[in-house]
Amino acid sequence: QVQLVESGGGLVQPGGSLTLSCTASGFTLDVYAIGWFRQAPGKGREGLACLSPSDGNVDYAGSVKGRFTVSRDAAKNTVYLNMNNLQPEDTAVYYCAADSTPYSTVRGADCYMYFERQGQGTLVTVSS
């Protein structure tokens, strides 16, 4: 069964850090582009980052560039979103999404929009 599962969300104070995981089952993550996006309460979806499978390049949205980083552990079939200096406006449900075409050349922080395989999300709350 093809599945993506996000984990690692929780409550963090402003200025704090959190690392989210996106683990795949039923397929190998490292040959597909992976997108991270979020949806804050009452708002639309916001693309955060896109990891390219061919060269490991990551495109970041301006709102998170310099604070968030994406990495991949092929052995664990997991992609991570490391988030630093979190602020209340980062409060949202965070999702990962995977392309269905191996080694595609899709780019841009909004790449998740093209991906059908998405997880159920994990909630991040930034509050004192």
Foldseek 3Di string as FASTA:
>chain_A
DWAWAKDWADEAAAQAKTKIKIAIDPDQQLQWKKWKWWDAVPGDIDQAWIAANPPRDIAGDPVQPPFWDWDDDRVRSMIMIIGGRDDQVPWTWMKMFIAPDTRDPDGDSPSRVRGDHMHPTDTHGYHD
